[in-house]
Protein backbone atom coordinates (compact mmCIF):
# COMPACT_ATOMS: atom_id res chain seq x y z
CA MET A 1 98.81 -77.47 39.12
CA LEU A 2 98.07 -74.61 36.76
CA ALA A 3 96.10 -71.67 38.10
CA PHE A 4 93.71 -69.76 35.88
CA ILE A 5 92.88 -66.15 36.63
CA SER A 6 89.62 -64.66 35.33
CA ILE A 7 89.87 -61.01 34.25
CA PRO A 8 86.58 -59.07 34.17
CA PRO A 9 85.57 -57.94 30.65
CA LEU A 10 85.47 -54.29 31.75
CA LEU A 11 89.11 -54.45 32.81
CA LEU A 12 90.07 -55.88 29.45
CA ALA A 13 88.27 -53.06 27.68
CA ALA A 14 89.91 -50.44 29.85
CA THR A 15 93.44 -51.74 29.32
CA ALA A 16 93.15 -52.61 25.61
CA ALA A 17 95.52 -50.54 23.45
CA HIS A 18 94.87 -49.42 19.90
CA ALA A 19 98.26 -47.87 19.15
CA ALA A 20 101.16 -49.92 17.86
CA GLY A 21 103.22 -51.46 20.65
CA THR A 22 106.00 -49.85 22.66
CA ARG A 23 106.23 -46.06 22.77
CA ALA A 24 108.50 -44.55 20.12
CA SER A 25 112.13 -43.84 21.16
CA THR A 26 111.87 -46.17 24.17
CA PRO A 27 115.36 -47.64 24.77
CA ILE A 28 115.66 -51.42 24.82
CA SER A 29 118.83 -52.72 26.42
CA ASN A 30 119.99 -56.33 26.20
CA THR A 31 122.99 -58.16 27.63
CA ALA A 32 123.66 -61.90 27.35
CA THR A 33 125.42 -64.00 29.98
CA VAL A 34 127.46 -67.19 29.68
CA THR A 35 128.31 -69.39 32.67
CA TYR A 36 130.88 -72.17 32.68
CA SER A 37 133.30 -74.05 34.91
CA ASP A 38 137.04 -74.52 34.47
CA GLY A 39 138.94 -76.89 36.72
CA GLY A 40 136.06 -76.92 39.09
CA ILE A 41 135.85 -73.15 39.26
CA GLY A 42 132.66 -71.46 38.10
CA HIS A 43 132.83 -68.46 35.82
CA VAL A 44 130.28 -65.89 34.63
CA GLN A 45 130.93 -63.79 31.55
CA GLN A 46 128.65 -61.04 30.19
CA SER A 47 128.42 -59.96 26.60
CA ASN A 48 128.59 -56.40 25.44
CA ASN A 49 125.40 -54.38 25.97
CA ASN A 50 123.12 -53.88 22.94
CA ILE A 51 120.85 -50.83 23.02
CA LEU A 52 118.21 -49.87 20.51
CA ARG A 53 115.46 -47.30 20.49
CA VAL A 54 112.02 -48.16 19.15
CA ASP A 55 111.12 -46.54 15.83
CA GLU A 56 108.01 -44.41 15.45
CA LEU A 57 105.18 -46.01 13.51
CA LEU A 58 102.98 -43.69 11.42
CA ASN A 59 99.39 -44.88 11.60
CA VAL A 60 96.05 -43.04 11.75
CA SER A 61 92.33 -43.78 11.49
CA ILE A 62 89.23 -41.67 10.83
CA VAL A 63 85.62 -42.65 11.49
CA SER A 64 82.38 -40.81 10.76
CA ASN A 65 80.25 -40.14 13.84
CA ASP A 66 77.02 -39.55 11.89
CA ALA A 67 75.23 -42.86 11.49
CA GLY A 68 72.71 -42.43 8.69
CA GLY A 69 74.01 -38.98 7.72
CA VAL A 70 72.98 -35.43 8.67
CA LEU A 71 69.55 -34.12 7.66
CA VAL A 72 69.61 -30.65 6.10
CA HIS A 73 67.39 -28.22 4.22
CA SER A 74 68.00 -26.76 0.78
CA PRO A 75 69.42 -24.17 0.94
CA ASP A 76 71.06 -24.48 4.36
CA HIS A 77 73.98 -22.84 6.15
CA ALA A 78 76.87 -24.11 8.32
CA GLN A 79 75.84 -27.74 8.64
CA ALA A 80 78.44 -29.96 10.31
CA LEU A 81 79.55 -33.53 9.69
CA SER A 82 81.43 -35.07 12.63
CA PHE A 83 84.55 -37.25 12.41
CA THR A 84 86.98 -38.73 14.93
CA VAL A 85 90.68 -38.78 14.05
CA THR A 86 92.81 -41.21 16.12
CA ASN A 87 96.59 -41.61 16.21
CA LEU A 88 97.20 -45.36 15.94
CA GLY A 89 100.96 -44.89 15.90
CA ASN A 90 103.29 -45.14 18.89
CA GLY A 91 104.63 -41.58 18.94
CA ASN A 92 103.45 -37.99 19.12
CA GLU A 93 102.40 -37.02 15.62
CA ALA A 94 100.93 -33.96 13.93
CA PHE A 95 98.31 -34.48 11.23
CA ARG A 96 97.43 -32.30 8.26
CA LEU A 97 93.68 -32.23 7.61
CA SER A 98 91.83 -31.65 4.34
CA ALA A 99 88.34 -32.14 2.92
CA ASP A 100 86.80 -33.35 -0.32
CA THR A 101 83.25 -32.45 -1.30
CA ALA A 102 83.46 -33.30 -5.03
CA ILE A 103 82.71 -37.01 -4.65
CA THR A 104 80.99 -39.01 -7.37
CA GLY A 105 77.81 -40.94 -6.74
CA ASP A 106 75.77 -38.25 -4.98
CA GLN A 107 73.18 -35.70 -6.11
CA PHE A 108 74.94 -32.47 -5.07
CA ASP A 109 78.29 -31.18 -3.85
CA PRO A 110 78.24 -29.57 -0.40
CA GLN A 111 79.92 -26.16 -0.35
CA LEU A 112 82.82 -26.46 2.10
CA GLN A 113 82.93 -23.62 4.63
CA SER A 114 85.61 -24.78 7.07
CA LEU A 115 87.12 -27.58 9.10
CA VAL A 116 86.68 -27.04 12.84
CA LEU A 117 88.40 -28.67 15.83
CA ASP A 118 86.22 -29.61 18.80
CA SER A 119 88.23 -27.42 21.17
CA ASN A 120 85.87 -27.79 24.15
CA ASN A 121 85.65 -31.55 23.57
CA ASN A 122 81.89 -31.74 24.05
CA GLY A 123 81.18 -33.58 20.79
CA VAL A 124 78.91 -30.80 19.47
CA TYR A 125 79.73 -28.18 16.86
CA ASP A 126 79.72 -24.83 18.67
CA PRO A 127 80.21 -21.94 16.21
CA GLY A 128 82.34 -19.19 17.72
CA THR A 129 83.64 -21.52 20.44
CA ASP A 130 85.28 -24.38 18.57
CA THR A 131 88.53 -23.59 16.75
CA VAL A 132 88.61 -23.19 12.97
CA TYR A 133 91.41 -25.33 11.54
CA VAL A 134 94.12 -23.54 9.54
CA PRO A 135 96.56 -25.93 7.76
CA GLY A 136 100.12 -25.40 8.90
CA SER A 137 99.00 -23.26 11.84
CA ASN A 138 97.12 -25.53 14.24
CA ASP A 139 97.60 -29.04 12.84
CA PRO A 140 96.45 -31.30 15.69
CA VAL A 141 99.27 -33.12 17.51
CA LEU A 142 98.08 -36.43 18.95
CA ALA A 143 99.77 -38.76 21.41
CA PRO A 144 99.47 -42.53 20.83
CA ASP A 145 95.80 -43.58 21.06
CA GLN A 146 94.69 -39.95 21.39
CA SER A 147 91.69 -38.82 19.35
CA ILE A 148 90.24 -35.50 18.29
CA ARG A 149 86.81 -34.72 16.90
CA VAL A 150 86.78 -32.69 13.70
CA PHE A 151 83.73 -31.01 12.16
CA LEU A 152 83.43 -30.60 8.40
CA VAL A 153 81.16 -27.58 8.01
CA SER A 154 79.37 -26.93 4.71
CA ASN A 155 76.63 -24.87 3.14
CA ILE A 156 73.92 -26.73 1.24
CA PRO A 157 73.03 -25.42 -2.24
CA ALA A 158 69.50 -24.37 -3.15
CA ALA A 159 66.97 -26.23 -5.27
CA GLN A 160 67.86 -29.74 -4.06
CA PRO A 161 64.89 -32.13 -3.88
CA ASP A 162 63.80 -34.07 -0.84
CA GLY A 163 66.09 -37.07 -0.27
CA ALA A 164 69.02 -35.68 -2.29
CA ILE A 165 72.40 -36.77 -0.91
CA GLY A 166 75.71 -34.91 -0.86
CA PHE A 167 78.93 -36.69 0.15
CA ALA A 168 81.87 -35.08 1.93
CA ALA A 169 85.09 -36.69 3.18
CA LEU A 170 87.74 -35.80 5.75
CA HIS A 171 91.38 -36.75 5.11
CA ALA A 172 94.23 -36.83 7.63
CA ALA A 173 97.93 -37.34 6.84
CA ALA A 174 100.91 -37.63 9.20
CA LEU A 175 103.10 -34.54 8.81
CA THR A 176 106.22 -36.68 9.21
CA GLY A 177 105.32 -38.47 6.01
CA THR A 178 103.09 -40.93 4.19
CA GLY A 179 103.74 -43.69 1.71
CA THR A 180 104.00 -47.42 1.22
CA PRO A 181 103.77 -49.38 4.48
CA GLY A 182 107.29 -50.17 5.67
CA SER A 183 108.96 -47.19 4.04
CA ALA A 184 111.07 -45.14 6.45
CA PHE A 185 112.00 -41.53 7.18
CA PRO A 186 115.42 -41.74 8.89
CA GLY A 187 115.73 -39.61 11.99
CA LYS A 188 112.28 -38.03 11.57
CA GLY A 189 110.52 -39.83 14.42
CA ASP A 190 110.18 -38.90 18.09
CA ASN A 191 113.52 -37.89 19.64
CA GLY A 192 115.38 -38.54 16.39
CA VAL A 193 114.44 -42.21 15.84
CA ASP A 194 113.39 -43.40 12.40
CA ALA A 195 109.75 -43.01 11.42
CA VAL A 196 108.24 -46.00 9.62
CA VAL A 197 104.99 -45.91 7.66
CA GLY A 198 102.38 -48.25 9.11
CA THR A 199 99.56 -50.23 7.50
CA SER A 200 97.40 -47.13 6.99
CA GLY A 201 100.11 -45.57 4.83
CA GLY A 202 100.31 -42.78 7.41
CA GLN A 203 97.00 -41.37 6.21
CA ALA A 204 93.27 -42.10 6.36
CA GLN A 205 89.96 -40.88 4.99
CA ALA A 206 86.33 -41.26 6.03
CA GLN A 207 83.17 -40.17 4.26
CA GLY A 208 80.00 -38.64 5.64
CA ARG A 209 76.83 -37.50 3.96
CA TYR A 210 74.21 -34.81 4.03
CA GLN A 211 70.63 -35.71 3.12
CA VAL A 212 68.07 -33.08 2.17
CA SER A 213 64.92 -33.36 4.23
CA ALA A 214 62.17 -31.19 2.79
CA ALA A 215 58.42 -30.99 3.26
CA THR A 216 56.05 -29.84 0.48
CA LEU A 217 52.54 -28.75 1.49
CA THR A 218 49.42 -28.87 -0.67
CA LEU A 219 45.96 -27.70 0.40
CA VAL A 220 42.76 -28.93 -1.24
CA LYS A 221 39.30 -27.53 -0.39
CA THR A 222 36.04 -29.37 -1.01
CA GLN A 223 32.41 -28.62 -0.10
CA SER A 224 29.20 -30.52 0.52
CA ILE A 225 25.68 -29.05 0.78
CA ALA A 226 22.65 -30.14 2.80
CA ASP A 227 19.42 -28.16 2.18
CA SER A 228 16.23 -28.13 4.27
CA ASN A 229 14.47 -30.39 1.76
CA GLY A 230 16.95 -33.20 2.27
CA GLY A 231 18.75 -32.40 -0.96
CA SER A 232 22.08 -30.82 -1.86
CA GLN A 233 20.98 -27.53 -3.40
CA PRO A 234 22.50 -24.19 -2.28
CA LEU A 235 19.13 -22.81 -1.11
CA ALA A 236 18.73 -20.15 1.53
CA GLY A 237 19.24 -21.79 4.91
CA ALA A 238 21.23 -24.72 3.44
CA THR A 239 24.33 -25.85 5.37
CA VAL A 240 27.64 -25.94 3.50
CA THR A 241 30.42 -28.08 4.98
CA TYR A 242 33.91 -27.07 3.87
CA THR A 243 36.76 -29.58 4.18
CA LEU A 244 40.38 -28.44 3.88
CA THR A 245 42.86 -31.29 3.38
CA LEU A 246 46.49 -30.39 4.08
CA GLN A 247 48.94 -32.92 2.61
CA ALA A 248 52.61 -32.82 3.68
CA SER A 249 54.84 -34.84 1.37
CA GLY A 250 58.57 -35.50 1.51
CA SER A 251 60.55 -36.33 4.63
CA GLY A 252 61.17 -33.01 6.37
CA THR A 253 59.37 -30.67 8.73
CA ALA A 254 57.40 -27.55 7.78
CA TYR A 255 57.41 -24.85 10.44
CA ASN A 256 54.94 -22.13 11.43
CA VAL A 257 52.18 -23.73 9.36
CA ALA A 258 48.99 -21.64 9.42
CA VAL A 259 45.76 -22.09 7.45
CA ASN A 260 43.41 -19.12 6.94
CA ASP A 261 40.06 -19.23 5.17
CA PRO A 262 37.89 -16.09 4.86
CA ILE A 263 34.14 -16.70 4.99
CA PRO A 264 32.70 -15.71 1.58
CA ALA A 265 29.95 -13.18 1.14
CA GLY A 266 26.41 -14.62 1.12
CA VAL A 267 27.00 -17.16 3.89
CA SER A 268 27.38 -17.05 7.68
CA TYR A 269 29.75 -19.11 9.83
CA VAL A 270 28.16 -21.80 12.02
CA ALA A 271 29.44 -21.20 15.53
CA GLY A 272 31.25 -24.16 17.10
CA SER A 273 31.64 -26.07 13.81
CA LEU A 274 35.43 -25.87 13.52
CA ARG A 275 37.31 -29.20 13.66
CA LEU A 276 40.98 -30.22 13.23
CA ASP A 277 41.57 -33.91 12.52
CA GLY A 278 38.16 -34.63 14.04
CA VAL A 279 38.82 -32.69 17.26
CA VAL A 280 36.53 -29.76 18.12
CA LEU A 281 38.26 -26.36 18.23
CA SER A 282 36.80 -23.37 20.01
CA ASP A 283 36.00 -20.22 18.07
CA ALA A 284 37.85 -18.04 20.61
CA ALA A 285 41.54 -17.12 20.50
CA ASP A 286 42.65 -19.45 23.28
CA ALA A 287 44.97 -22.40 23.93
CA ASP A 288 43.78 -24.59 21.06
CA ALA A 289 44.90 -24.25 17.44
CA GLY A 290 41.80 -22.64 15.91
CA GLN A 291 39.68 -19.55 16.04
CA PHE A 292 36.99 -17.66 14.14
CA SER A 293 37.76 -13.97 14.06
CA GLY A 294 37.20 -11.08 11.69
CA ASN A 295 34.92 -13.22 9.50
CA ALA A 296 37.66 -15.79 8.83
CA VAL A 297 38.66 -19.23 10.11
CA ALA A 298 42.27 -19.57 11.20
CA VAL A 299 44.10 -22.73 12.33
CA GLN A 300 47.71 -22.68 13.59
CA LEU A 301 49.32 -26.11 13.06
CA GLY A 302 52.87 -25.09 13.98
CA GLN A 303 55.30 -27.88 13.00
CA VAL A 304 54.08 -30.39 10.44
CA GLN A 305 56.21 -33.46 9.85
CA ALA A 306 56.07 -35.06 6.40
CA PRO A 307 54.62 -37.35 5.31
CA SER A 308 51.31 -36.60 7.00
CA THR A 309 47.75 -35.45 6.34
CA HIS A 310 45.63 -33.02 8.37
CA THR A 311 41.96 -32.17 7.88
CA ILE A 312 40.17 -28.96 8.83
CA VAL A 313 36.36 -28.87 8.71
CA PHE A 314 33.89 -26.04 9.36
CA GLN A 315 30.35 -25.11 8.31
CA VAL A 316 28.44 -22.07 6.99
CA THR A 317 24.80 -21.45 6.17
CA VAL A 318 23.54 -19.79 3.01
CA ASN A 319 21.95 -16.42 3.80
């Protein structure tokens, strides 16, 4: 009877290998045996011993870690795209890194500042803590299946409109060599074995993108008049209602947004009339967003996310 053993899915995931087969330079020894009988006497004869050492396979992959891209302003400074470089070969291999920001099909070219290695392995770009990559000086050496996170850090040029996209790519190449899959570098692999180019050609590239997220604010002021006769004439004692409509367009966030409106001569502010998006604001300088002080209305909106609309309303009476 055959017995079937069920292996939990988590165990499969934990033991699955991505690198190519047996570790480079591993010796494989093989001896054959022949048995026979002669005149009723049994004999055993062994062949000579064949020994080979496994070649090193040169394979690498890169993936972008930024699903949907990285949102930036224009201009912007030291914005990082994140990539993971993985050694898919079967030996220890050093990789030379490079970047390309002049890619067709986008609206602007990011201005490359540096490539940075995630030296504290926390997955976040930490300026001053993570190690700036210098080709030929600290090329990352990866064991089979080992990965390293690399940040491509760029400045964003000025005058880019909301939604503009800039592509940037990270490239990694095995220092032992690259080329057509199957081509070999005799004696250049781990411990002097041959190094053979794998399906990746010994190199890989992945592309990320920056997307400008900008908010543009416009403010429109309107007025309506109600006089004591039931009309709309600006007579003494008439009430004027001012409406300020703040429109945020684009896809970004505006910060430290503040609206100020001095009360004009010839009118007086109506106490308690200040509203933001229909909510009453006190006239005092307190925890809410508005106040009336120094003969002016002031409303602090703080962060305003586009697209959105906000309405400020207050009243005055004609003197």
